[in-house]
Protein backbone atom coordinates (compact mmCIF):
# COMPACT_ATOMS: atom_id res chain seq x y z
CA MET A 1 8.54 50.13 -18.05
CA SER A 2 8.21 46.36 -18.03
CA SER A 3 5.05 44.49 -17.27
CA ILE A 4 5.22 42.05 -14.34
CA ARG A 5 2.73 39.18 -14.42
CA LYS A 6 1.61 37.74 -11.14
CA THR A 7 1.38 33.99 -11.30
CA THR A 8 0.26 31.52 -8.71
CA PRO A 9 3.13 29.16 -7.90
CA GLU A 10 2.74 25.44 -8.40
CA ILE A 11 2.91 23.63 -5.08
CA SER A 12 3.75 19.94 -4.70
CA ILE A 13 3.43 17.73 -1.65
CA LYS A 14 4.45 14.11 -1.21
CA LEU A 15 3.03 11.95 1.59
CA GLN A 16 4.56 8.57 2.41
CA LEU A 17 2.81 6.00 4.61
CA SER A 18 4.53 2.76 5.56
CA PHE A 19 2.63 -0.38 6.53
CA GLU A 20 3.69 -3.61 8.20
CA LYS A 21 1.73 -5.74 5.76
CA LYS A 22 1.08 -5.40 2.06
CA LYS A 23 -2.57 -6.34 2.72
CA GLN A 24 -2.99 -3.21 4.88
CA LEU A 25 -1.38 -1.05 2.22
CA TYR A 26 -3.71 -2.27 -0.53
CA ALA A 27 -6.80 -1.98 1.70
CA LEU A 28 -6.02 1.69 2.33
CA LEU A 29 -5.12 2.31 -1.31
CA LYS A 30 -8.45 0.82 -2.38
CA SER A 31 -10.34 2.96 0.14
CA LEU A 32 -8.67 6.14 -1.15
CA LYS A 33 -9.22 5.46 -4.88
CA PRO A 34 -12.59 7.30 -5.03
CA ASP A 35 -10.82 10.42 -3.72
CA ASN A 36 -8.64 10.45 -6.81
CA ILE A 37 -11.42 11.60 -9.20
CA ASP A 38 -13.24 14.85 -9.98
CA PHE A 39 -10.55 17.13 -8.58
CA PRO A 40 -10.96 20.90 -8.84
CA SER A 41 -9.21 22.58 -11.74
CA GLY A 42 -5.48 23.02 -11.14
CA LEU A 43 -5.26 20.23 -8.54
CA SER A 44 -3.98 16.71 -9.15
CA MET A 45 -3.25 13.61 -7.10
CA GLU A 46 -1.25 10.48 -7.90
CA MET A 47 -1.04 7.39 -5.67
CA LEU A 48 1.76 4.84 -5.99
CA THR A 49 2.93 1.83 -4.03
CA ASP A 50 6.56 1.23 -3.18
CA TYR A 51 8.41 -2.07 -2.85
CA ASP A 52 8.62 -1.82 0.95
CA ASN A 53 4.87 -1.59 1.72
CA THR A 54 4.82 2.19 1.36
CA LEU A 55 1.97 4.21 -0.10
CA VAL A 56 3.14 7.40 -1.80
CA ILE A 57 0.62 10.16 -2.47
CA LYS A 58 1.74 13.06 -4.65
CA LEU A 59 -0.35 16.22 -4.80
CA SER A 60 0.16 19.24 -7.04
CA SER A 61 -1.75 22.50 -7.08
CA LYS A 62 -1.67 25.44 -9.44
CA GLY A 63 -4.41 27.09 -7.41
CA GLY A 64 -2.44 28.30 -4.44
CA PHE A 65 -1.99 27.14 -0.89
CA GLY A 66 -5.66 27.03 0.13
CA LYS A 67 -6.70 24.27 -2.28
CA ILE A 68 -3.79 21.98 -1.49
CA ILE A 69 -3.99 22.48 2.28
CA ASN A 70 -7.70 21.65 2.28
CA THR A 71 -7.07 18.59 0.11
CA VAL A 72 -4.21 17.33 2.30
CA ASP A 73 -6.41 17.81 5.38
CA GLU A 74 -9.23 15.80 3.79
CA ILE A 75 -6.89 13.02 2.62
CA LEU A 76 -5.27 12.75 6.06
CA GLU A 77 -8.72 12.48 7.63
CA HIS A 78 -9.64 9.66 5.22
CA ILE A 79 -6.31 7.94 5.90
CA SER A 80 -6.90 8.16 9.65
CA ILE A 81 -10.34 6.60 9.31
CA GLY A 82 -9.01 3.90 6.97
CA VAL A 83 -6.11 3.01 9.26
CA ASN A 84 -8.46 2.73 12.24
CA VAL A 85 -10.82 0.46 10.29
CA ILE A 86 -7.93 -1.74 9.15
CA ALA A 87 -6.48 -1.93 12.68
CA ASN A 88 -9.84 -3.05 14.08
CA ALA A 89 -10.67 -5.51 11.31
C-alpha cells in the first residue's frame, strides 16, 4: 500500500495593465510598492514594467486559492483607486 501525500498546488497569476503615458505607469507602480512587503507565508508578488508602458504583476501562492484570490482582490482595489487618482490629477 503506497502512501499518498496531499499537497497544496502552487498557483500563479499574472496581471498586465497598459497605460497611455509612462508617467501614469510609474505613478501607479510607486503607489503599489508598499503592498509588495510583509506578505503572508507562501505568497509572493513581483512587479515589473514593460517597454510599452505596461505594468506586469506576478503573484504566486503555495497556500491555496483563498490567499491568492484575496490578494488579487485587494491589489485590484488599490489599482482602481490609483487609476482614479491619476485620472483626476
